[in-house]
Amino acid sequence: MKTHYHLKRNQSFCPTVSLDKLWTLVSEQTWANAAENKTGAAPIIDVALLGYYKVLGKGKLPKQPVIMKAKFFSRRAEEKMKGVCVLVLCSRKAK
């Protein structure tokens, strides 16, 4: 077993949510307005405000445009969101 001096457990804390659960985080009224409004403004889903940091690529997204904000996105999630998401905001630092 490796000895850790000054171990910071919060660095590994990263609650996740999958793509198929994203629309359950917003209200039904927001979802209905997004379905009706094909050309207007896309709804904003801020995953970090809802308590999740990372978006995983499990499941499918509906073909409704959406703006998504999160700290991290998995590779599969980015691939699946290309046709649906208008803008993906990621707050991780570029190296």
PDB file of N, CA and C in Angstrom:
ATOM      1  N   MET A   1       0.841  -1.178   0.000  1.00  0.00           N
ATOM      2  CA  MET A   1       0.000   0.000   0.000  1.00  0.00           C
ATOM      3  C   MET A   1       0.885   1.239   0.000  1.00  0.00           C
ATOM      4  N   LYS A   2       0.514   2.178  -0.807  1.00  0.00           N
ATOM      5  CA  LYS A   2       1.288   3.397  -0.961  1.00  0.00           C
ATOM      6  C   LYS A   2       0.902   4.409   0.119  1.00  0.00           C
ATOM      7  N   THR A   3       1.883   5.087   0.670  1.00  0.00           N
ATOM      8  CA  THR A   3       1.644   6.095   1.689  1.00  0.00           C
ATOM      9  C   THR A   3       1.378   7.432   1.017  1.00  0.00           C
ATOM     10  N   HIS A   4       0.299   8.071   1.407  1.00  0.00           N
ATOM     11  CA  HIS A   4      -0.033   9.382   0.865  1.00  0.00           C
ATOM     12  C   HIS A   4       0.069  10.409   1.983  1.00  0.00           C
ATOM     13  N   TYR A   5       0.982  11.327   1.830  1.00  0.00           N
ATOM     14  CA  TYR A   5       1.089  12.418   2.775  1.00  0.00           C
ATOM     15  C   TYR A   5       0.264  13.580   2.238  1.00  0.00           C
ATOM     16  N   HIS A   6      -0.513  14.168   3.082  1.00  0.00           N
ATOM     17  CA  HIS A   6      -1.374  15.294   2.713  1.00  0.00           C
ATOM     18  C   HIS A   6      -2.300  14.897   1.559  1.00  0.00           C
ATOM     19  N   LEU A   7      -3.039  13.818   1.755  1.00  0.00           N
ATOM     20  CA  LEU A   7      -3.961  13.304   0.753  1.00  0.00           C
ATOM     21  C   LEU A   7      -5.180  14.213   0.638  1.00  0.00           C
ATOM     22  N   LYS A   8      -5.473  14.632  -0.565  1.00  0.00           N
ATOM     23  CA  LYS A   8      -6.633  15.472  -0.838  1.00  0.00           C
ATOM     24  C   LYS A   8      -7.672  14.627  -1.566  1.00  0.00           C
ATOM     25  N   ARG A   9      -8.676  14.196  -0.861  1.00  0.00           N
ATOM     26  CA  ARG A   9      -9.690  13.327  -1.466  1.00  0.00           C
ATOM     27  C   ARG A   9     -10.643  14.085  -2.388  1.00  0.00           C
ATOM     28  N   ASN A  10     -10.798  15.349  -2.215  1.00  0.00           N
ATOM     29  CA  ASN A  10     -11.737  16.104  -3.039  1.00  0.00           C
ATOM     30  C   ASN A  10     -11.288  16.239  -4.484  1.00  0.00           C
ATOM     31  N   GLN A  11     -10.051  15.965  -4.799  1.00  0.00           N
ATOM     32  CA  GLN A  11      -9.587  16.057  -6.174  1.00  0.00           C
ATOM     33  C   GLN A  11     -10.203  14.972  -7.043  1.00  0.00           C
ATOM     34  N   SER A  12     -10.577  13.863  -6.457  1.00  0.00           N
ATOM     35  CA  SER A  12     -11.158  12.780  -7.235  1.00  0.00           C
ATOM     36  C   SER A  12     -12.686  12.805  -7.230  1.00  0.00           C
ATOM     37  N   PHE A  13     -13.302  13.790  -6.605  1.00  0.00           N
ATOM     38  CA  PHE A  13     -14.757  13.887  -6.537  1.00  0.00           C
ATOM     39  C   PHE A  13     -15.286  14.413  -7.859  1.00  0.00           C
ATOM     40  N   CYS A  14     -16.046  13.591  -8.579  1.00  0.00           N
ATOM     41  CA  CYS A  14     -16.566  13.993  -9.876  1.00  0.00           C
ATOM     42  C   CYS A  14     -17.894  13.283 -10.141  1.00  0.00           C
ATOM     43  N   PRO A  15     -19.023  13.818  -9.656  1.00  0.00           N
ATOM     44  CA  PRO A  15     -20.309  13.186  -9.935  1.00  0.00           C
ATOM     45  C   PRO A  15     -20.630  13.258 -11.424  1.00  0.00           C
ATOM     46  N   THR A  16     -21.200  12.185 -11.955  1.00  0.00           N
ATOM     47  CA  THR A  16     -21.434  12.093 -13.395  1.00  0.00           C
ATOM     48  C   THR A  16     -22.921  11.955 -13.697  1.00  0.00           C
ATOM     49  N   VAL A  17     -23.267  12.300 -14.923  1.00  0.00           N
ATOM     50  CA  VAL A  17     -24.617  12.124 -15.446  1.00  0.00           C
ATOM     51  C   VAL A  17     -24.471  11.694 -16.901  1.00  0.00           C
ATOM     52  N   SER A  18     -25.347  10.798 -17.351  1.00  0.00           N
ATOM     53  CA  SER A  18     -25.273  10.338 -18.734  1.00  0.00           C
ATOM     54  C   SER A  18     -26.204  11.162 -19.624  1.00  0.00           C
ATOM     55  N   LEU A  19     -25.986  11.050 -20.935  1.00  0.00           N
ATOM     56  CA  LEU A  19     -26.738  11.861 -21.891  1.00  0.00           C
ATOM     57  C   LEU A  19     -28.241  11.608 -21.829  1.00  0.00           C
ATOM     58  N   ASP A  20     -28.632  10.367 -21.615  1.00  0.00           N
ATOM     59  CA  ASP A  20     -30.062  10.080 -21.616  1.00  0.00           C
ATOM     60  C   ASP A  20     -30.780  10.628 -20.384  1.00  0.00           C
ATOM     61  N   LYS A  21     -30.064  11.038 -19.363  1.00  0.00           N
ATOM     62  CA  LYS A  21     -30.668  11.604 -18.148  1.00  0.00           C
ATOM     63  C   LYS A  21     -30.676  13.134 -18.141  1.00  0.00           C
ATOM     64  N   LEU A  22     -30.091  13.770 -19.159  1.00  0.00           N
ATOM     65  CA  LEU A  22     -29.966  15.228 -19.141  1.00  0.00           C
ATOM     66  C   LEU A  22     -31.313  15.941 -19.181  1.00  0.00           C
ATOM     67  N   TRP A  23     -32.237  15.446 -19.987  1.00  0.00           N
ATOM     68  CA  TRP A  23     -33.525  16.128 -20.092  1.00  0.00           C
ATOM     69  C   TRP A  23     -34.385  15.918 -18.856  1.00  0.00           C
ATOM     70  N   THR A  24     -34.032  14.980 -17.993  1.00  0.00           N
ATOM     71  CA  THR A  24     -34.771  14.828 -16.740  1.00  0.00           C
ATOM     72  C   THR A  24     -34.352  15.888 -15.725  1.00  0.00           C
ATOM     73  N   LEU A  25     -33.256  16.575 -15.981  1.00  0.00           N
ATOM     74  CA  LEU A  25     -32.766  17.599 -15.063  1.00  0.00           C
ATOM     75  C   LEU A  25     -33.469  18.940 -15.250  1.00  0.00           C
ATOM     76  N   VAL A  26     -34.093  19.147 -16.419  1.00  0.00           N
ATOM     77  CA  VAL A  26     -34.801  20.407 -16.672  1.00  0.00           C
ATOM     78  C   VAL A  26     -36.304  20.168 -16.526  1.00  0.00           C
ATOM     79  N   SER A  27     -37.048  21.236 -16.431  1.00  0.00           N
ATOM     80  CA  SER A  27     -38.497  21.112 -16.244  1.00  0.00           C
ATOM     81  C   SER A  27     -39.173  20.660 -17.539  1.00  0.00           C
ATOM     82  N   GLU A  28     -40.378  20.129 -17.407  1.00  0.00           N
ATOM     83  CA  GLU A  28     -41.134  19.677 -18.580  1.00  0.00           C
ATOM     84  C   GLU A  28     -41.532  20.850 -19.465  1.00  0.00           C
ATOM     85  N   GLN A  29     -41.732  22.003 -18.868  1.00  0.00           N
ATOM     86  CA  GLN A  29     -42.090  23.191 -19.639  1.00  0.00           C
ATOM     87  C   GLN A  29     -40.926  23.605 -20.541  1.00  0.00           C
ATOM     88  N   THR A  30     -39.705  23.537 -20.038  1.00  0.00           N
ATOM     89  CA  THR A  30     -38.533  23.861 -20.841  1.00  0.00           C
ATOM     90  C   THR A  30     -38.397  22.887 -21.998  1.00  0.00           C
ATOM     91  N   TRP A  31     -38.643  21.622 -21.730  1.00  0.00           N
ATOM     92  CA  TRP A  31     -38.555  20.597 -22.762  1.00  0.00           C
ATOM     93  C   TRP A  31     -39.619  20.819 -23.844  1.00  0.00           C
ATOM     94  N   ALA A  32     -40.838  21.154 -23.438  1.00  0.00           N
ATOM     95  CA  ALA A  32     -41.918  21.394 -24.394  1.00  0.00           C
ATOM     96  C   ALA A  32     -41.640  22.630 -25.240  1.00  0.00           C
ATOM     97  N   ASN A  33     -41.121  23.684 -24.623  1.00  0.00           N
ATOM     98  CA  ASN A  33     -40.783  24.895 -25.370  1.00  0.00           C
ATOM     99  C   ASN A  33     -39.668  24.636 -26.371  1.00  0.00           C
ATOM    100  N   ALA A  34     -38.712  23.807 -26.016  1.00  0.00           N
ATOM    101  CA  ALA A  34     -37.620  23.484 -26.934  1.00  0.00           C
ATOM    102  C   ALA A  34     -38.123  22.657 -28.107  1.00  0.00           C
ATOM    103  N   ALA A  35     -39.109  21.798 -27.874  1.00  0.00           N
ATOM    104  CA  ALA A  35     -39.659  20.973 -28.950  1.00  0.00           C
ATOM    105  C   ALA A  35     -40.465  21.819 -29.933  1.00  0.00           C
ATOM    106  N   GLU A  36     -41.193  22.808 -29.443  1.00  0.00           N
ATOM    107  CA  GLU A  36     -41.994  23.672 -30.308  1.00  0.00           C
ATOM    108  C   GLU A  36     -41.138  24.648 -31.094  1.00  0.00           C
ATOM    109  N   ASN A  37     -40.156  25.221 -30.458  1.00  0.00           N
ATOM    110  CA  ASN A  37     -39.359  26.293 -31.029  1.00  0.00           C
ATOM    111  C   ASN A  37     -38.182  25.712 -31.801  1.00  0.00           C
ATOM    112  N   LYS A  38     -38.344  25.480 -33.092  1.00  0.00           N
ATOM    113  CA  LYS A  38     -37.292  24.863 -33.909  1.00  0.00           C
ATOM    114  C   LYS A  38     -36.195  25.857 -34.283  1.00  0.00           C
ATOM    115  N   THR A  39     -36.525  27.129 -34.482  1.00  0.00           N
ATOM    116  CA  THR A  39     -35.543  28.088 -34.969  1.00  0.00           C
ATOM    117  C   THR A  39     -35.072  29.069 -33.909  1.00  0.00           C
ATOM    118  N   GLY A  40     -35.708  29.104 -32.775  1.00  0.00           N
ATOM    119  CA  GLY A  40     -35.390  30.088 -31.747  1.00  0.00           C
ATOM    120  C   GLY A  40     -34.198  29.701 -30.889  1.00  0.00           C
ATOM    121  N   ALA A  41     -34.138  30.320 -29.734  1.00  0.00           N
ATOM    122  CA  ALA A  41     -33.022  30.098 -28.817  1.00  0.00           C
ATOM    123  C   ALA A  41     -33.100  28.706 -28.196  1.00  0.00           C
ATOM    124  N   ALA A  42     -31.955  28.083 -28.080  1.00  0.00           N
ATOM    125  CA  ALA A  42     -31.873  26.745 -27.491  1.00  0.00           C
ATOM    126  C   ALA A  42     -31.834  26.863 -25.967  1.00  0.00           C
ATOM    127  N   PRO A  43     -32.421  25.914 -25.250  1.00  0.00           N
ATOM    128  CA  PRO A  43     -32.367  25.960 -23.781  1.00  0.00           C
ATOM    129  C   PRO A  43     -30.953  25.673 -23.278  1.00  0.00           C
ATOM    130  N   ILE A  44     -30.627  26.248 -22.149  1.00  0.00           N
ATOM    131  CA  ILE A  44     -29.305  26.074 -21.551  1.00  0.00           C
ATOM    132  C   ILE A  44     -29.428  25.091 -20.390  1.00  0.00           C
ATOM    133  N   ILE A  45     -28.616  24.034 -20.438  1.00  0.00           N
ATOM    134  CA  ILE A  45     -28.566  23.066 -19.344  1.00  0.00           C
ATOM    135  C   ILE A  45     -27.204  23.212 -18.681  1.00  0.00           C
ATOM    136  N   ASP A  46     -27.176  23.772 -17.482  1.00  0.00           N
ATOM    137  CA  ASP A  46     -25.931  23.919 -16.735  1.00  0.00           C
ATOM    138  C   ASP A  46     -25.837  22.749 -15.758  1.00  0.00           C
ATOM    139  N   VAL A  47     -25.061  21.758 -16.132  1.00  0.00           N
ATOM    140  CA  VAL A  47     -24.964  20.520 -15.366  1.00  0.00           C
ATOM    141  C   VAL A  47     -24.256  20.765 -14.032  1.00  0.00           C
ATOM    142  N   ALA A  48     -23.283  21.667 -14.006  1.00  0.00           N
ATOM    143  CA  ALA A  48     -22.537  21.939 -12.776  1.00  0.00           C
ATOM    144  C   ALA A  48     -23.438  22.566 -11.708  1.00  0.00           C
ATOM    145  N   LEU A  49     -24.381  23.399 -12.116  1.00  0.00           N
ATOM    146  CA  LEU A  49     -25.313  23.990 -11.154  1.00  0.00           C
ATOM    147  C   LEU A  49     -26.242  22.948 -10.555  1.00  0.00           C
ATOM    148  N   LEU A  50     -26.489  21.881 -11.296  1.00  0.00           N
ATOM    149  CA  LEU A  50     -27.386  20.825 -10.836  1.00  0.00           C
ATOM    150  C   LEU A  50     -26.666  19.762 -10.018  1.00  0.00           C
ATOM    151  N   GLY A  51     -25.354  19.926  -9.813  1.00  0.00           N
ATOM    152  CA  GLY A  51     -24.621  19.018  -8.935  1.00  0.00           C
ATOM    153  C   GLY A  51     -23.801  17.956  -9.639  1.00  0.00           C
ATOM    154  N   TYR A  52     -23.699  18.016 -10.958  1.00  0.00           N
ATOM    155  CA  TYR A  52     -22.902  17.045 -11.713  1.00  0.00           C
ATOM    156  C   TYR A  52     -21.741  17.771 -12.377  1.00  0.00           C
ATOM    157  N   TYR A  53     -20.596  17.097 -12.467  1.00  0.00           N
ATOM    158  CA  TYR A  53     -19.421  17.718 -13.065  1.00  0.00           C
ATOM    159  C   TYR A  53     -19.102  17.165 -14.445  1.00  0.00           C
ATOM    160  N   LYS A  54     -19.383  15.885 -14.668  1.00  0.00           N
ATOM    161  CA  LYS A  54     -18.974  15.242 -15.909  1.00  0.00           C
ATOM    162  C   LYS A  54     -20.183  14.659 -16.623  1.00  0.00           C
ATOM    163  N   VAL A  55     -20.205  14.824 -17.958  1.00  0.00           N
ATOM    164  CA  VAL A  55     -21.263  14.261 -18.786  1.00  0.00           C
ATOM    165  C   VAL A  55     -20.691  13.053 -19.508  1.00  0.00           C
ATOM    166  N   LEU A  56     -21.350  11.897 -19.334  1.00  0.00           N
ATOM    167  CA  LEU A  56     -20.920  10.665 -19.977  1.00  0.00           C
ATOM    168  C   LEU A  56     -21.768  10.405 -21.217  1.00  0.00           C
ATOM    169  N   GLY A  57     -21.273   9.566 -22.114  1.00  0.00           N
ATOM    170  CA  GLY A  57     -21.912   9.347 -23.406  1.00  0.00           C
ATOM    171  C   GLY A  57     -22.865   8.180 -23.478  1.00  0.00           C
ATOM    172  N   LYS A  58     -23.485   7.777 -22.389  1.00  0.00           N
ATOM    173  CA  LYS A  58     -24.419   6.654 -22.413  1.00  0.00           C
ATOM    174  C   LYS A  58     -25.793   7.152 -22.860  1.00  0.00           C
ATOM    175  N   GLY A  59     -26.417   6.450 -23.773  1.00  0.00           N
ATOM    176  CA  GLY A  59     -27.755   6.802 -24.223  1.00  0.00           C
ATOM    177  C   GLY A  59     -27.740   7.739 -25.415  1.00  0.00           C
ATOM    178  N   LYS A  60     -28.914   8.260 -25.737  1.00  0.00           N
ATOM    179  CA  LYS A  60     -29.086   9.154 -26.879  1.00  0.00           C
ATOM    180  C   LYS A  60     -29.743  10.447 -26.428  1.00  0.00           C
ATOM    181  N   LEU A  61     -29.444  11.508 -27.165  1.00  0.00           N
ATOM    182  CA  LEU A  61     -30.096  12.789 -26.940  1.00  0.00           C
ATOM    183  C   LEU A  61     -31.201  12.974 -27.967  1.00  0.00           C
ATOM    184  N   PRO A  62     -32.300  13.643 -27.624  1.00  0.00           N
ATOM    185  CA  PRO A  62     -33.295  13.980 -28.636  1.00  0.00           C
ATOM    186  C   PRO A  62     -32.708  14.978 -29.632  1.00  0.00           C
ATOM    187  N   LYS A  63     -33.302  15.084 -30.784  1.00  0.00           N
ATOM    188  CA  LYS A  63     -32.783  15.956 -31.843  1.00  0.00           C
ATOM    189  C   LYS A  63     -33.156  17.417 -31.640  1.00  0.00           C
ATOM    190  N   GLN A  64     -33.298  17.847 -30.422  1.00  0.00           N
ATOM    191  CA  GLN A  64     -33.603  19.236 -30.112  1.00  0.00           C
ATOM    192  C   GLN A  64     -32.302  19.962 -29.796  1.00  0.00           C
ATOM    193  N   PRO A  65     -32.101  21.161 -30.356  1.00  0.00           N
ATOM    194  CA  PRO A  65     -30.872  21.898 -30.059  1.00  0.00           C
ATOM    195  C   PRO A  65     -30.818  22.322 -28.593  1.00  0.00           C
ATOM    196  N   VAL A  66     -29.628  22.286 -28.038  1.00  0.00           N
ATOM    197  CA  VAL A  66     -29.451  22.603 -26.625  1.00  0.00           C
ATOM    198  C   VAL A  66     -28.050  23.173 -26.428  1.00  0.00           C
ATOM    199  N   ILE A  67     -27.897  24.036 -25.437  1.00  0.00           N
ATOM    200  CA  ILE A  67     -26.585  24.543 -25.030  1.00  0.00           C
ATOM    201  C   ILE A  67     -26.266  23.881 -23.703  1.00  0.00           C
ATOM    202  N   MET A  68     -25.110  23.227 -23.640  1.00  0.00           N
ATOM    203  CA  MET A  68     -24.770  22.444 -22.463  1.00  0.00           C
ATOM    204  C   MET A  68     -23.501  22.989 -21.809  1.00  0.00           C
ATOM    205  N   LYS A  69     -23.548  23.149 -20.484  1.00  0.00           N
ATOM    206  CA  LYS A  69     -22.388  23.603 -19.719  1.00  0.00           C
ATOM    207  C   LYS A  69     -22.025  22.531 -18.704  1.00  0.00           C
ATOM    208  N   ALA A  70     -20.746  22.166 -18.661  1.00  0.00           N
ATOM    209  CA  ALA A  70     -20.258  21.192 -17.683  1.00  0.00           C
ATOM    210  C   ALA A  70     -18.764  21.395 -17.523  1.00  0.00           C
ATOM    211  N   LYS A  71     -18.202  20.822 -16.467  1.00  0.00           N
ATOM    212  CA  LYS A  71     -16.761  20.918 -16.264  1.00  0.00           C
ATOM    213  C   LYS A  71     -16.011  19.967 -17.180  1.00  0.00           C
ATOM    214  N   PHE A  72     -16.538  18.755 -17.352  1.00  0.00           N
ATOM    215  CA  PHE A  72     -15.863  17.747 -18.168  1.00  0.00           C
ATOM    216  C   PHE A  72     -16.873  17.020 -19.043  1.00  0.00           C
ATOM    217  N   PHE A  73     -16.425  16.583 -20.214  1.00  0.00           N
ATOM    218  CA  PHE A  73     -17.213  15.748 -21.109  1.00  0.00           C
ATOM    219  C   PHE A  73     -16.367  14.548 -21.493  1.00  0.00           C
ATOM    220  N   SER A  74     -16.979  13.375 -21.537  1.00  0.00           N
ATOM    221  CA  SER A  74     -16.241  12.208 -22.010  1.00  0.00           C
ATOM    222  C   SER A  74     -16.133  12.279 -23.536  1.00  0.00           C
ATOM    223  N   ARG A  75     -15.236  11.484 -24.083  1.00  0.00           N
ATOM    224  CA  ARG A  75     -15.016  11.481 -25.530  1.00  0.00           C
ATOM    225  C   ARG A  75     -16.284  11.057 -26.264  1.00  0.00           C
ATOM    226  N   ARG A  76     -16.946  10.024 -25.766  1.00  0.00           N
ATOM    227  CA  ARG A  76     -18.182   9.545 -26.395  1.00  0.00           C
ATOM    228  C   ARG A  76     -19.296  10.582 -26.322  1.00  0.00           C
ATOM    229  N   ALA A  77     -19.372  11.296 -25.230  1.00  0.00           N
ATOM    230  CA  ALA A  77     -20.406  12.329 -25.094  1.00  0.00           C
ATOM    231  C   ALA A  77     -20.188  13.436 -26.117  1.00  0.00           C
ATOM    232  N   GLU A  78     -18.948  13.836 -26.331  1.00  0.00           N
ATOM    233  CA  GLU A  78     -18.658  14.868 -27.322  1.00  0.00           C
ATOM    234  C   GLU A  78     -19.026  14.398 -28.721  1.00  0.00           C
ATOM    235  N   GLU A  79     -18.754  13.130 -29.034  1.00  0.00           N
ATOM    236  CA  GLU A  79     -19.084  12.598 -30.354  1.00  0.00           C
ATOM    237  C   GLU A  79     -20.592  12.567 -30.571  1.00  0.00           C
ATOM    238  N   LYS A  80     -21.348  12.170 -29.565  1.00  0.00           N
ATOM    239  CA  LYS A  80     -22.795  12.057 -29.705  1.00  0.00           C
ATOM    240  C   LYS A  80     -23.487  13.418 -29.714  1.00  0.00           C
ATOM    241  N   MET A  81     -22.885  14.430 -29.113  1.00  0.00           N
ATOM    242  CA  MET A  81     -23.519  15.737 -29.019  1.00  0.00           C
ATOM    243  C   MET A  81     -23.271  16.605 -30.238  1.00  0.00           C
ATOM    244  N   LYS A  82     -22.413  16.207 -31.156  1.00  0.00           N
ATOM    245  CA  LYS A  82     -22.060  17.077 -32.277  1.00  0.00           C
ATOM    246  C   LYS A  82     -23.261  17.497 -33.110  1.00  0.00           C
ATOM    247  N   GLY A  83     -24.199  16.614 -33.388  1.00  0.00           N
ATOM    248  CA  GLY A  83     -25.350  16.970 -34.201  1.00  0.00           C
ATOM    249  C   GLY A  83     -26.451  17.674 -33.438  1.00  0.00           C
ATOM    250  N   VAL A  84     -26.444  17.584 -32.127  1.00  0.00           N
ATOM    251  CA  VAL A  84     -27.557  18.093 -31.324  1.00  0.00           C
ATOM    252  C   VAL A  84     -27.205  19.402 -30.629  1.00  0.00           C
ATOM    253  N   CYS A  85     -26.053  19.469 -30.020  1.00  0.00           N
ATOM    254  CA  CYS A  85     -25.696  20.634 -29.208  1.00  0.00           C
ATOM    255  C   CYS A  85     -25.254  21.799 -30.080  1.00  0.00           C
ATOM    256  N   VAL A  86     -25.780  22.961 -29.761  1.00  0.00           N
ATOM    257  CA  VAL A  86     -25.391  24.177 -30.448  1.00  0.00           C
ATOM    258  C   VAL A  86     -24.028  24.634 -29.938  1.00  0.00           C
ATOM    259  N   LEU A  87     -23.832  24.552 -28.639  1.00  0.00           N
ATOM    260  CA  LEU A  87     -22.604  25.027 -28.018  1.00  0.00           C
ATOM    261  C   LEU A  87     -22.323  24.177 -26.794  1.00  0.00           C
ATOM    262  N   VAL A  88     -21.084  23.763 -26.659  1.00  0.00           N
ATOM    263  CA  VAL A  88     -20.674  22.981 -25.498  1.00  0.00           C
ATOM    264  C   VAL A  88     -19.616  23.788 -24.763  1.00  0.00           C
ATOM    265  N   LEU A  89     -19.885  24.142 -23.529  1.00  0.00           N
ATOM    266  CA  LEU A  89     -18.951  24.921 -22.728  1.00  0.00           C
ATOM    267  C   LEU A  89     -18.292  24.018 -21.709  1.00  0.00           C
ATOM    268  N   CYS A  90     -16.978  24.024 -21.741  1.00  0.00           N
ATOM    269  CA  CYS A  90     -16.212  23.194 -20.826  1.00  0.00           C
ATOM    270  C   CYS A  90     -15.298  24.113 -20.033  1.00  0.00           C
ATOM    271  N   SER A  91     -15.288  23.986 -18.740  1.00  0.00           N
ATOM    272  CA  SER A  91     -14.521  24.911 -17.916  1.00  0.00           C
ATOM    273  C   SER A  91     -13.175  24.358 -17.480  1.00  0.00           C
ATOM    274  N   ARG A  92     -12.698  23.287 -18.125  1.00  0.00           N
ATOM    275  CA  ARG A  92     -11.385  22.777 -17.737  1.00  0.00           C
ATOM    276  C   ARG A  92     -10.299  23.608 -18.414  1.00  0.00           C
ATOM    277  N   LYS A  93      -9.157  23.643 -17.792  1.00  0.00           N
ATOM    278  CA  LYS A  93      -8.064  24.463 -18.293  1.00  0.00           C
ATOM    279  C   LYS A  93      -7.345  23.752 -19.429  1.00  0.00           C
ATOM    280  N   ALA A  94      -7.000  24.503 -20.459  1.00  0.00           N
ATOM    281  CA  ALA A  94      -6.254  23.936 -21.582  1.00  0.00           C
ATOM    282  C   ALA A  94      -4.793  23.810 -21.189  1.00  0.00           C
ATOM    283  N   LYS A  95      -4.198  22.696 -21.591  1.00  0.00           N
ATOM    284  CA  LYS A  95      -2.788  22.476 -21.254  1.00  0.00           C
ATOM    285  C   LYS A  95      -1.892  22.879 -22.384  1.00  0.00           C
TER     286      LYS A  95
END
